[in-house]
Amino acid sequence: MSGPLVECVPNVSEGRDEAKIEELAAAIRSVEGVRLLDRHTDPDHNRTVFTLAGAPEAVVEAGVRLASKAAELIDLNRHRGVHPRIGALDVLPFVPLRGISLEECARLAVRASERIWREHRIPVYLYGAAARRPERRRLAEIRRGGFEALRGVAARDPEKAPDIGGPGLHPTAGATAAGARKVMIAYNVLLDTPDVAVAERIARRIRASSGGLPHVQAMGVYLPHRGLAQVSMNLTDYEATPLHEVFLAVAREAEREGVGVHSSEIVGLIPRRALEMASGVDLKWENLNPEAVLEERLMACGLQ
């Protein structure tokens, strides 16, 4: 494929019902010019992360169709999971891969958001490079308190109102956070303990917002299906703060807590460069394979 290439990594609030997840995937596949590169499902987070890529307008169309299908299938009033969320289609980030700028991807996020509101009456918060308010650049600030807290204040507090649509949330689908960002790595480290307080302390010490590692977002969660605690992270600039440095920092903090590292996992796809930078370091991978490498998947799908 020639021409501009955009990646999109939508997160939906369903990670347990395989039939629903397949319907959501089918909504993405229904768009000509888009390739579904990866699907990562987690029942404890009750969340599925899709990775897709294609021409800019086709990717926008896929995002809008996915929002529609998610609203049809998911009722957040009944949704439970360890991951914070505000919407059935919770996050819709646009990522420049080739021949397109971050600013242009921000405009794609706005176009998708306007259609999601106009066609499906789901309001949207804009984050990352698409943010209209400085405090909303960080996704965590938008999602603070989750759907339950936001639905109570969005309609009456202008500081909490969506950027597009609203002011109230959709009664069952909530709101979507749409934005633009650089390639990011979603990365989890599982600990050899069920004690979530240990994971929370480690997350607090390593994340950037607490004075830890730059470009690292982290939270501690307990995974009932695994019986283990997890440090769940987003690495927003893996070249500035490499993957292996993050793993080693978590391992050091775990040792301070008197626990070990069980394993680590990638959520979605990982750039080849990140693996090259981590060469020689045992990251105790659970799920790393050639199909998890972004460039390999693009090539296999005829996009590179």
C-alpha atoms as a PDB file:
ATOM      1  CA  MET A   1       0.000   0.000   0.000  1.00  0.00           C
ATOM      2  CA  SER A   2       1.284   3.442  -0.917  1.00  0.00           C
ATOM      3  CA  GLY A   3       0.176   6.765   0.489  1.00  0.00           C
ATOM      4  CA  PRO A   4      -0.375   7.908   4.086  1.00  0.00           C
ATOM      5  CA  LEU A   5      -0.682   5.165   6.684  1.00  0.00           C
ATOM      6  CA  VAL A   6      -2.436   5.580  10.034  1.00  0.00           C
ATOM      7  CA  GLU A   7      -2.565   3.201  12.966  1.00  0.00           C
ATOM      8  CA  CYS A   8      -5.538   3.189  15.332  1.00  0.00           C
ATOM      9  CA  VAL A   9      -5.649   1.350  18.670  1.00  0.00           C
ATOM     10  CA  PRO A  10      -9.247   1.394  19.936  1.00  0.00           C
ATOM     11  CA  ASN A  11      -9.954  -0.014  23.398  1.00  0.00           C
ATOM     12  CA  VAL A  12     -13.437  -1.424  24.012  1.00  0.00           C
ATOM     13  CA  SER A  13     -15.000  -2.329  27.335  1.00  0.00           C
ATOM     14  CA  GLU A  14     -15.568  -6.021  26.621  1.00  0.00           C
ATOM     15  CA  GLY A  15     -13.079  -8.761  27.362  1.00  0.00           C
ATOM     16  CA  ARG A  16     -15.166 -11.772  28.350  1.00  0.00           C
ATOM     17  CA  ASP A  17     -17.855 -12.475  25.752  1.00  0.00           C
ATOM     18  CA  GLU A  18     -16.121 -13.966  22.706  1.00  0.00           C
ATOM     19  CA  ALA A  19     -19.190 -13.616  20.484  1.00  0.00           C
ATOM     20  CA  LYS A  20     -19.422  -9.891  21.195  1.00  0.00           C
ATOM     21  CA  ILE A  21     -15.695  -9.414  20.681  1.00  0.00           C
ATOM     22  CA  GLU A  22     -15.931 -11.092  17.284  1.00  0.00           C
ATOM     23  CA  GLU A  23     -18.822  -8.802  16.314  1.00  0.00           C
ATOM     24  CA  LEU A  24     -16.686  -5.808  17.260  1.00  0.00           C
ATOM     25  CA  ALA A  25     -13.791  -7.157  15.180  1.00  0.00           C
ATOM     26  CA  ALA A  26     -16.162  -7.721  12.257  1.00  0.00           C
ATOM     27  CA  ALA A  27     -17.191  -4.056  12.379  1.00  0.00           C
ATOM     28  CA  ILE A  28     -13.546  -3.109  11.818  1.00  0.00           C
ATOM     29  CA  ARG A  29     -13.020  -5.690   9.079  1.00  0.00           C
ATOM     30  CA  SER A  30     -16.094  -4.419   7.243  1.00  0.00           C
ATOM     31  CA  VAL A  31     -14.247  -1.271   6.146  1.00  0.00           C
ATOM     32  CA  GLU A  32     -12.408  -1.519   2.849  1.00  0.00           C
ATOM     33  CA  GLY A  33      -8.825  -0.319   3.079  1.00  0.00           C
ATOM     34  CA  VAL A  34      -8.373  -1.216   6.746  1.00  0.00           C
ATOM     35  CA  ARG A  35      -6.463  -4.190   8.140  1.00  0.00           C
ATOM     36  CA  LEU A  36      -7.032  -5.556  11.641  1.00  0.00           C
ATOM     37  CA  LEU A  37      -3.478  -6.245  12.790  1.00  0.00           C
ATOM     38  CA  ASP A  38      -4.009  -7.514  16.330  1.00  0.00           C
ATOM     39  CA  ARG A  39      -6.532  -8.197  19.077  1.00  0.00           C
ATOM     40  CA  HIS A  40      -5.611  -8.454  22.753  1.00  0.00           C
ATOM     41  CA  THR A  41      -8.349  -9.536  25.151  1.00  0.00           C
ATOM     42  CA  ASP A  42      -8.129  -9.570  28.948  1.00  0.00           C
ATOM     43  CA  PRO A  43     -11.020 -10.902  31.085  1.00  0.00           C
ATOM     44  CA  ASP A  44      -9.795  -9.268  34.303  1.00  0.00           C
ATOM     45  CA  HIS A  45      -9.494  -5.849  32.692  1.00  0.00           C
ATOM     46  CA  ASN A  46     -12.714  -6.795  30.822  1.00  0.00           C
ATOM     47  CA  ARG A  47     -11.252  -5.001  27.873  1.00  0.00           C
ATOM     48  CA  THR A  48     -10.148  -5.678  24.317  1.00  0.00           C
ATOM     49  CA  VAL A  49      -7.466  -3.686  22.527  1.00  0.00           C
ATOM     50  CA  PHE A  50      -7.659  -3.765  18.743  1.00  0.00           C
ATOM     51  CA  THR A  51      -4.819  -2.584  16.510  1.00  0.00           C
ATOM     52  CA  LEU A  52      -5.735  -1.608  12.961  1.00  0.00           C
ATOM     53  CA  ALA A  53      -4.107   0.356  10.168  1.00  0.00           C
ATOM     54  CA  GLY A  54      -4.994   1.807   6.806  1.00  0.00           C
ATOM     55  CA  ALA A  55      -5.605   4.959   4.816  1.00  0.00           C
ATOM     56  CA  PRO A  56      -6.686   7.933   6.950  1.00  0.00           C
ATOM     57  CA  GLU A  57     -10.347   8.187   5.930  1.00  0.00           C
ATOM     58  CA  ALA A  58     -10.808   4.410   6.053  1.00  0.00           C
ATOM     59  CA  VAL A  59      -9.450   4.349   9.604  1.00  0.00           C
ATOM     60  CA  VAL A  60     -11.890   7.107  10.595  1.00  0.00           C
ATOM     61  CA  GLU A  61     -14.752   5.056   9.135  1.00  0.00           C
ATOM     62  CA  ALA A  62     -13.628   1.978  11.079  1.00  0.00           C
ATOM     63  CA  GLY A  63     -13.589   3.965  14.310  1.00  0.00           C
ATOM     64  CA  VAL A  64     -17.114   5.238  13.749  1.00  0.00           C
ATOM     65  CA  ARG A  65     -18.445   1.771  12.903  1.00  0.00           C
ATOM     66  CA  LEU A  66     -16.757   0.331  15.975  1.00  0.00           C
ATOM     67  CA  ALA A  67     -18.349   3.022  18.163  1.00  0.00           C
ATOM     68  CA  SER A  68     -21.756   2.072  16.793  1.00  0.00           C
ATOM     69  CA  LYS A  69     -21.280  -1.647  17.373  1.00  0.00           C
ATOM     70  CA  ALA A  70     -19.834  -1.110  20.865  1.00  0.00           C
ATOM     71  CA  ALA A  71     -22.848   1.008  21.842  1.00  0.00           C
ATOM     72  CA  GLU A  72     -25.138  -1.734  20.548  1.00  0.00           C
ATOM     73  CA  LEU A  73     -23.418  -4.528  22.489  1.00  0.00           C
ATOM     74  CA  ILE A  74     -22.052  -2.992  25.701  1.00  0.00           C
ATOM     75  CA  ASP A  75     -23.934  -1.528  28.662  1.00  0.00           C
ATOM     76  CA  LEU A  76     -21.513   0.153  31.036  1.00  0.00           C
ATOM     77  CA  ASN A  77     -24.087  -0.003  33.840  1.00  0.00           C
ATOM     78  CA  ARG A  78     -23.424  -3.762  33.898  1.00  0.00           C
ATOM     79  CA  HIS A  79     -19.717  -3.672  33.074  1.00  0.00           C
ATOM     80  CA  ARG A  80     -17.149  -4.612  35.703  1.00  0.00           C
ATOM     81  CA  GLY A  81     -13.371  -4.810  35.289  1.00  0.00           C
ATOM     82  CA  VAL A  82     -10.143  -3.682  36.925  1.00  0.00           C
ATOM     83  CA  HIS A  83      -9.285  -1.156  34.202  1.00  0.00           C
ATOM     84  CA  PRO A  84     -10.677   2.403  34.399  1.00  0.00           C
ATOM     85  CA  ARG A  85     -13.144   3.238  31.607  1.00  0.00           C
ATOM     86  CA  ILE A  86     -15.684   5.875  30.603  1.00  0.00           C
ATOM     87  CA  GLY A  87     -17.108   4.358  27.440  1.00  0.00           C
ATOM     88  CA  ALA A  88     -18.163   1.251  25.565  1.00  0.00           C
ATOM     89  CA  LEU A  89     -15.654   2.405  22.970  1.00  0.00           C
ATOM     90  CA  ASP A  90     -13.387   3.788  25.648  1.00  0.00           C
ATOM     91  CA  VAL A  91     -10.365   5.074  23.747  1.00  0.00           C
ATOM     92  CA  LEU A  92      -9.840   5.892  20.066  1.00  0.00           C
ATOM     93  CA  PRO A  93      -6.253   7.034  19.356  1.00  0.00           C
ATOM     94  CA  PHE A  94      -4.917   7.858  15.883  1.00  0.00           C
ATOM     95  CA  VAL A  95      -1.193   7.280  15.332  1.00  0.00           C
ATOM     96  CA  PRO A  96       0.893   8.491  12.363  1.00  0.00           C
ATOM     97  CA  LEU A  97       2.924   5.721  10.729  1.00  0.00           C
ATOM     98  CA  ARG A  98       3.833   7.028   7.270  1.00  0.00           C
ATOM     99  CA  GLY A  99       3.242  10.137   5.203  1.00  0.00           C
ATOM    100  CA  ILE A 100       1.067  11.899   7.770  1.00  0.00           C
ATOM    101  CA  SER A 101       1.801  14.151  10.741  1.00  0.00           C
ATOM    102  CA  LEU A 102       0.639  13.992  14.339  1.00  0.00           C
ATOM    103  CA  GLU A 103      -1.307  17.214  13.762  1.00  0.00           C
ATOM    104  CA  GLU A 104      -3.139  15.646  10.811  1.00  0.00           C
ATOM    105  CA  CYS A 105      -3.965  12.635  12.978  1.00  0.00           C
ATOM    106  CA  ALA A 106      -5.413  15.028  15.560  1.00  0.00           C
ATOM    107  CA  ARG A 107      -7.734  16.348  12.862  1.00  0.00           C
ATOM    108  CA  LEU A 108      -8.756  12.764  12.038  1.00  0.00           C
ATOM    109  CA  ALA A 109      -9.638  12.261  15.709  1.00  0.00           C
ATOM    110  CA  VAL A 110     -11.867  15.342  15.611  1.00  0.00           C
ATOM    111  CA  ARG A 111     -13.593  14.201  12.408  1.00  0.00           C
ATOM    112  CA  ALA A 112     -14.273  10.770  13.878  1.00  0.00           C
ATOM    113  CA  SER A 113     -15.533  12.364  17.100  1.00  0.00           C
ATOM    114  CA  GLU A 114     -17.945  14.672  15.303  1.00  0.00           C
ATOM    115  CA  ARG A 115     -19.413  11.709  13.435  1.00  0.00           C
ATOM    116  CA  ILE A 116     -19.656   9.554  16.584  1.00  0.00           C
ATOM    117  CA  TRP A 117     -21.681  12.314  18.245  1.00  0.00           C
ATOM    118  CA  ARG A 118     -23.770  13.223  15.195  1.00  0.00           C
ATOM    119  CA  GLU A 119     -24.590   9.657  14.144  1.00  0.00           C
ATOM    120  CA  HIS A 120     -24.700   7.843  17.496  1.00  0.00           C
ATOM    121  CA  ARG A 121     -25.164  10.565  20.168  1.00  0.00           C
ATOM    122  CA  ILE A 122     -22.075   9.443  22.059  1.00  0.00           C
ATOM    123  CA  PRO A 123     -20.104  12.443  23.364  1.00  0.00           C
ATOM    124  CA  VAL A 124     -16.333  12.609  23.039  1.00  0.00           C
ATOM    125  CA  TYR A 125     -13.442  13.932  25.092  1.00  0.00           C
ATOM    126  CA  LEU A 126     -10.348  14.922  23.099  1.00  0.00           C
ATOM    127  CA  TYR A 127      -6.918  14.002  24.485  1.00  0.00           C
ATOM    128  CA  GLY A 128      -3.267  13.823  23.490  1.00  0.00           C
ATOM    129  CA  ALA A 129      -2.336  15.944  20.485  1.00  0.00           C
ATOM    130  CA  ALA A 130      -6.064  16.527  19.808  1.00  0.00           C
ATOM    131  CA  ALA A 131      -6.766  17.988  23.272  1.00  0.00           C
ATOM    132  CA  ARG A 132      -8.503  21.356  23.403  1.00  0.00           C
ATOM    133  CA  ARG A 133      -7.583  21.877  27.060  1.00  0.00           C
ATOM    134  CA  PRO A 134      -4.072  21.396  28.475  1.00  0.00           C
ATOM    135  CA  GLU A 135      -5.367  19.348  31.408  1.00  0.00           C
ATOM    136  CA  ARG A 136      -6.945  16.866  29.010  1.00  0.00           C
ATOM    137  CA  ARG A 137      -3.764  15.931  27.196  1.00  0.00           C
ATOM    138  CA  ARG A 138      -3.349  13.070  29.679  1.00  0.00           C
ATOM    139  CA  LEU A 139      -5.979  10.374  29.287  1.00  0.00           C
ATOM    140  CA  ALA A 140      -5.867   9.560  32.993  1.00  0.00           C
ATOM    141  CA  GLU A 141      -7.214  13.007  33.846  1.00  0.00           C
ATOM    142  CA  ILE A 142     -10.284  12.463  31.662  1.00  0.00           C
ATOM    143  CA  ARG A 143     -10.971   8.963  33.007  1.00  0.00           C
ATOM    144  CA  ARG A 144     -10.538   9.813  36.672  1.00  0.00           C
ATOM    145  CA  GLY A 145     -13.394   8.191  38.593  1.00  0.00           C
ATOM    146  CA  GLY A 146     -14.602   6.281  35.549  1.00  0.00           C
ATOM    147  CA  PHE A 147     -18.054   6.157  33.989  1.00  0.00           C
ATOM    148  CA  GLU A 148     -19.808   6.101  37.360  1.00  0.00           C
ATOM    149  CA  ALA A 149     -18.264   9.379  38.544  1.00  0.00           C
ATOM    150  CA  LEU A 150     -18.349  11.166  35.195  1.00  0.00           C
ATOM    151  CA  ARG A 151     -21.999  10.490  34.394  1.00  0.00           C
ATOM    152  CA  GLY A 152     -22.980  12.274  37.608  1.00  0.00           C
ATOM    153  CA  VAL A 153     -21.122  15.514  36.909  1.00  0.00           C
ATOM    154  CA  ALA A 154     -20.611  15.860  33.136  1.00  0.00           C
ATOM    155  CA  ALA A 155     -24.012  17.449  32.523  1.00  0.00           C
ATOM    156  CA  ARG A 156     -23.811  19.986  35.340  1.00  0.00           C
ATOM    157  CA  ASP A 157     -20.114  20.880  35.615  1.00  0.00           C
ATOM    158  CA  PRO A 158     -18.658  22.691  32.571  1.00  0.00           C
ATOM    159  CA  GLU A 159     -15.167  21.566  33.626  1.00  0.00           C
ATOM    160  CA  LYS A 160     -16.255  17.947  33.167  1.00  0.00           C
ATOM    161  CA  ALA A 161     -18.352  18.385  30.018  1.00  0.00           C
ATOM    162  CA  PRO A 162     -17.264  16.579  26.837  1.00  0.00           C
ATOM    163  CA  ASP A 163     -15.459  18.480  24.098  1.00  0.00           C
ATOM    164  CA  ILE A 164     -17.868  17.271  21.405  1.00  0.00           C
ATOM    165  CA  GLY A 165     -21.525  16.553  22.142  1.00  0.00           C
ATOM    166  CA  GLY A 166     -23.145  16.105  25.500  1.00  0.00           C
ATOM    167  CA  PRO A 167     -23.135  17.648  27.992  1.00  0.00           C
ATOM    168  CA  GLY A 168     -24.481  14.437  29.508  1.00  0.00           C
ATOM    169  CA  LEU A 169     -23.073  11.002  28.727  1.00  0.00           C
ATOM    170  CA  HIS A 170     -24.821   8.348  26.663  1.00  0.00           C
ATOM    171  CA  PRO A 171     -26.894   6.340  29.209  1.00  0.00           C
ATOM    172  CA  THR A 172     -25.298   2.978  28.369  1.00  0.00           C
ATOM    173  CA  ALA A 173     -22.297   3.693  26.105  1.00  0.00           C
ATOM    174  CA  GLY A 174     -20.892   6.555  28.201  1.00  0.00           C
ATOM    175  CA  ALA A 175     -18.343   8.657  26.324  1.00  0.00           C
ATOM    176  CA  THR A 176     -15.318   8.045  24.139  1.00  0.00           C
ATOM    177  CA  ALA A 177     -11.862   9.576  24.535  1.00  0.00           C
ATOM    178  CA  ALA A 178     -10.430  10.228  21.067  1.00  0.00           C
ATOM    179  CA  GLY A 179      -7.012  11.616  20.360  1.00  0.00           C
ATOM    180  CA  ALA A 180      -3.733  11.473  18.512  1.00  0.00           C
ATOM    181  CA  ARG A 181      -0.368  10.290  19.799  1.00  0.00           C
ATOM    182  CA  LYS A 182       2.927   8.776  18.781  1.00  0.00           C
ATOM    183  CA  VAL A 183       3.473   5.017  18.781  1.00  0.00           C
ATOM    184  CA  MET A 184       3.060   3.830  22.370  1.00  0.00           C
ATOM    185  CA  ILE A 185       3.800   0.531  24.104  1.00  0.00           C
ATOM    186  CA  ALA A 186       1.182  -0.948  26.413  1.00  0.00           C
ATOM    187  CA  TYR A 187       3.145  -3.196  28.756  1.00  0.00           C
ATOM    188  CA  ASN A 188       2.264  -5.228  31.848  1.00  0.00           C
ATOM    189  CA  VAL A 189       4.512  -6.828  34.471  1.00  0.00           C
ATOM    190  CA  LEU A 190       2.979  -9.566  36.605  1.00  0.00           C
ATOM    191  CA  LEU A 191       4.267 -10.026  40.137  1.00  0.00           C
ATOM    192  CA  ASP A 192       4.709 -13.204  42.148  1.00  0.00           C
ATOM    193  CA  THR A 193       2.120 -12.055  44.667  1.00  0.00           C
ATOM    194  CA  PRO A 194      -1.638 -11.567  44.834  1.00  0.00           C
ATOM    195  CA  ASP A 195      -1.154  -8.443  46.972  1.00  0.00           C
ATOM    196  CA  VAL A 196      -2.436  -5.533  44.887  1.00  0.00           C
ATOM    197  CA  ALA A 197      -1.104  -3.033  47.431  1.00  0.00           C
ATOM    198  CA  VAL A 198       2.429  -4.081  46.420  1.00  0.00           C
ATOM    199  CA  ALA A 199       1.637  -3.455  42.748  1.00  0.00           C
ATOM    200  CA  GLU A 200       0.086  -0.094  43.595  1.00  0.00           C
ATOM    201  CA  ARG A 201       3.157   1.016  45.553  1.00  0.00           C
ATOM    202  CA  ILE A 202       5.486  -0.038  42.733  1.00  0.00           C
ATOM    203  CA  ALA A 203       3.317   1.744  40.144  1.00  0.00           C
ATOM    204  CA  ARG A 204       3.325   4.911  42.221  1.00  0.00           C
ATOM    205  CA  ARG A 205       7.122   4.887  42.549  1.00  0.00           C
ATOM    206  CA  ILE A 206       7.889   4.316  38.861  1.00  0.00           C
ATOM    207  CA  ARG A 207       5.314   6.477  37.072  1.00  0.00           C
ATOM    208  CA  ALA A 208       6.215   9.895  35.744  1.00  0.00           C
ATOM    209  CA  SER A 209       3.382  11.722  37.514  1.00  0.00           C
ATOM    210  CA  SER A 210       4.855  10.696  40.891  1.00  0.00           C
ATOM    211  CA  GLY A 211       8.395  11.670  39.974  1.00  0.00           C
ATOM    212  CA  GLY A 212       9.431   8.268  38.638  1.00  0.00           C
ATOM    213  CA  LEU A 213      10.484   7.327  35.134  1.00  0.00           C
ATOM    214  CA  PRO A 214       9.741   9.867  32.381  1.00  0.00           C
ATOM    215  CA  HIS A 215       7.047   8.887  29.871  1.00  0.00           C
ATOM    216  CA  VAL A 216       5.717   6.048  32.031  1.00  0.00           C
ATOM    217  CA  GLN A 217       2.094   5.761  33.136  1.00  0.00           C
ATOM    218  CA  ALA A 218       1.418   2.979  35.626  1.00  0.00           C
ATOM    219  CA  MET A 219      -1.226   1.525  37.908  1.00  0.00           C
ATOM    220  CA  GLY A 220      -1.429  -1.558  40.114  1.00  0.00           C
ATOM    221  CA  VAL A 221      -4.293  -4.021  39.672  1.00  0.00           C
ATOM    222  CA  TYR A 222      -5.278  -7.500  40.873  1.00  0.00           C
ATOM    223  CA  LEU A 223      -6.094 -10.155  38.267  1.00  0.00           C
ATOM    224  CA  PRO A 224      -8.624 -12.644  39.698  1.00  0.00           C
ATOM    225  CA  HIS A 225      -8.222 -15.073  36.786  1.00  0.00           C
ATOM    226  CA  ARG A 226      -4.473 -15.255  37.423  1.00  0.00           C
ATOM    227  CA  GLY A 227      -4.449 -14.834  41.192  1.00  0.00           C
ATOM    228  CA  LEU A 228      -1.623 -12.309  40.744  1.00  0.00           C
ATOM    229  CA  ALA A 229      -1.070  -8.574  41.045  1.00  0.00           C
ATOM    230  CA  GLN A 230       0.031  -6.641  37.981  1.00  0.00           C
ATOM    231  CA  VAL A 231       1.780  -3.365  37.241  1.00  0.00           C
ATOM    232  CA  SER A 232      -0.079  -2.162  34.136  1.00  0.00           C
ATOM    233  CA  MET A 233       1.754   0.500  32.132  1.00  0.00           C
ATOM    234  CA  ASN A 234       1.775   2.721  29.064  1.00  0.00           C
ATOM    235  CA  LEU A 235       5.188   3.760  27.751  1.00  0.00           C
ATOM    236  CA  THR A 236       4.502   6.948  25.834  1.00  0.00           C
ATOM    237  CA  ASP A 237       8.070   7.472  24.541  1.00  0.00           C
ATOM    238  CA  TYR A 238       9.889   4.139  24.446  1.00  0.00           C
ATOM    239  CA  GLU A 239      13.001   5.656  22.867  1.00  0.00           C
ATOM    240  CA  ALA A 240      13.459   8.130  25.725  1.00  0.00           C
ATOM    241  CA  THR A 241      12.586   5.569  28.410  1.00  0.00           C
ATOM    242  CA  PRO A 242      13.316   2.137  26.934  1.00  0.00           C
ATOM    243  CA  LEU A 243      11.260  -0.939  27.655  1.00  0.00           C
ATOM    244  CA  HIS A 244      14.048  -2.830  29.423  1.00  0.00           C
ATOM    245  CA  GLU A 245      14.715   0.088  31.771  1.00  0.00           C
ATOM    246  CA  VAL A 246      11.081   0.028  32.818  1.00  0.00           C
ATOM    247  CA  PHE A 247      11.159  -3.736  33.401  1.00  0.00           C
ATOM    248  CA  LEU A 248      14.346  -3.501  35.475  1.00  0.00           C
ATOM    249  CA  ALA A 249      12.891  -0.642  37.529  1.00  0.00           C
ATOM    250  CA  VAL A 250       9.793  -2.720  38.320  1.00  0.00           C
ATOM    251  CA  ALA A 251      12.015  -5.703  39.193  1.00  0.00           C
ATOM    252  CA  ARG A 252      14.111  -3.577  41.582  1.00  0.00           C
ATOM    253  CA  GLU A 253      11.020  -2.190  43.279  1.00  0.00           C
ATOM    254  CA  ALA A 254       9.550  -5.686  43.539  1.00  0.00           C
ATOM    255  CA  GLU A 255      12.750  -6.898  45.232  1.00  0.00           C
ATOM    256  CA  ARG A 256      12.445  -4.038  47.727  1.00  0.00           C
ATOM    257  CA  GLU A 257       8.938  -5.308  48.464  1.00  0.00           C
ATOM    258  CA  GLY A 258      10.193  -8.862  48.946  1.00  0.00           C
ATOM    259  CA  VAL A 259       8.471 -10.304  45.858  1.00  0.00           C
ATOM    260  CA  GLY A 260       9.617 -11.484  42.456  1.00  0.00           C
ATOM    261  CA  VAL A 261       8.574 -10.811  38.883  1.00  0.00           C
ATOM    262  CA  HIS A 262       6.424 -13.570  37.430  1.00  0.00           C
ATOM    263  CA  SER A 263       6.398 -12.468  33.774  1.00  0.00           C
ATOM    264  CA  SER A 264       5.710  -9.574  31.409  1.00  0.00           C
ATOM    265  CA  GLU A 265       3.412  -9.096  28.434  1.00  0.00           C
ATOM    266  CA  ILE A 266       2.770  -6.781  25.518  1.00  0.00           C
ATOM    267  CA  VAL A 267      -0.746  -5.509  24.922  1.00  0.00           C
ATOM    268  CA  GLY A 268      -1.167  -5.052  21.195  1.00  0.00           C
ATOM    269  CA  LEU A 269       1.940  -4.605  19.048  1.00  0.00           C
ATOM    270  CA  ILE A 270       5.482  -3.470  19.743  1.00  0.00           C
ATOM    271  CA  PRO A 271       7.872  -1.583  17.426  1.00  0.00           C
ATOM    272  CA  ARG A 272      10.933  -3.580  16.364  1.00  0.00           C
ATOM    273  CA  ARG A 273      13.196  -0.781  17.601  1.00  0.00           C
ATOM    274  CA  ALA A 274      11.975  -1.285  21.184  1.00  0.00           C
ATOM    275  CA  LEU A 275      13.020  -4.946  21.081  1.00  0.00           C
ATOM    276  CA  GLU A 276      16.391  -4.075  19.567  1.00  0.00           C
ATOM    277  CA  MET A 277      17.028  -1.631  22.397  1.00  0.00           C
ATOM    278  CA  ALA A 278      16.170  -4.351  24.948  1.00  0.00           C
ATOM    279  CA  SER A 279      18.410  -6.966  23.322  1.00  0.00           C
ATOM    280  CA  GLY A 280      20.220  -9.119  25.887  1.00  0.00           C
ATOM    281  CA  VAL A 281      17.816  -8.389  28.745  1.00  0.00           C
ATOM    282  CA  ASP A 282      15.546 -11.207  29.934  1.00  0.00           C
ATOM    283  CA  LEU A 283      12.116  -9.563  30.212  1.00  0.00           C
ATOM    284  CA  LYS A 284      10.371 -12.849  31.144  1.00  0.00           C
ATOM    285  CA  TRP A 285       8.028 -12.572  28.177  1.00  0.00           C
ATOM    286  CA  GLU A 286       4.715 -14.414  28.225  1.00  0.00           C
ATOM    287  CA  ASN A 287       3.433 -13.565  24.771  1.00  0.00           C
ATOM    288  CA  LEU A 288       6.223 -12.194  22.596  1.00  0.00           C
ATOM    289  CA  ASN A 289       6.340 -13.681  19.096  1.00  0.00           C
ATOM    290  CA  PRO A 290       7.027 -12.353  15.576  1.00  0.00           C
ATOM    291  CA  GLU A 291       3.338 -11.524  15.094  1.00  0.00           C
ATOM    292  CA  ALA A 292       3.561  -9.088  18.016  1.00  0.00           C
ATOM    293  CA  VAL A 293       6.069  -6.893  16.149  1.00  0.00           C
ATOM    294  CA  LEU A 294       4.370  -3.934  14.469  1.00  0.00           C
ATOM    295  CA  GLU A 295       6.500  -3.923  11.340  1.00  0.00           C
ATOM    296  CA  GLU A 296       6.044  -7.678  10.840  1.00  0.00           C
ATOM    297  CA  ARG A 297       2.266  -7.370  11.032  1.00  0.00           C
ATOM    298  CA  LEU A 298       2.229  -4.427   8.612  1.00  0.00           C
ATOM    299  CA  MET A 299       4.302  -6.390   6.138  1.00  0.00           C
ATOM    300  CA  ALA A 300       2.160  -9.513   6.497  1.00  0.00           C
ATOM    301  CA  CYS A 301      -0.941  -7.437   5.761  1.00  0.00           C
ATOM    302  CA  GLY A 302       0.601  -5.745   2.728  1.00  0.00           C
ATOM    303  CA  LEU A 303       0.796  -2.335   4.359  1.00  0.00           C
ATOM    304  CA  GLN A 304       4.583  -1.948   4.327  1.00  0.00           C
END
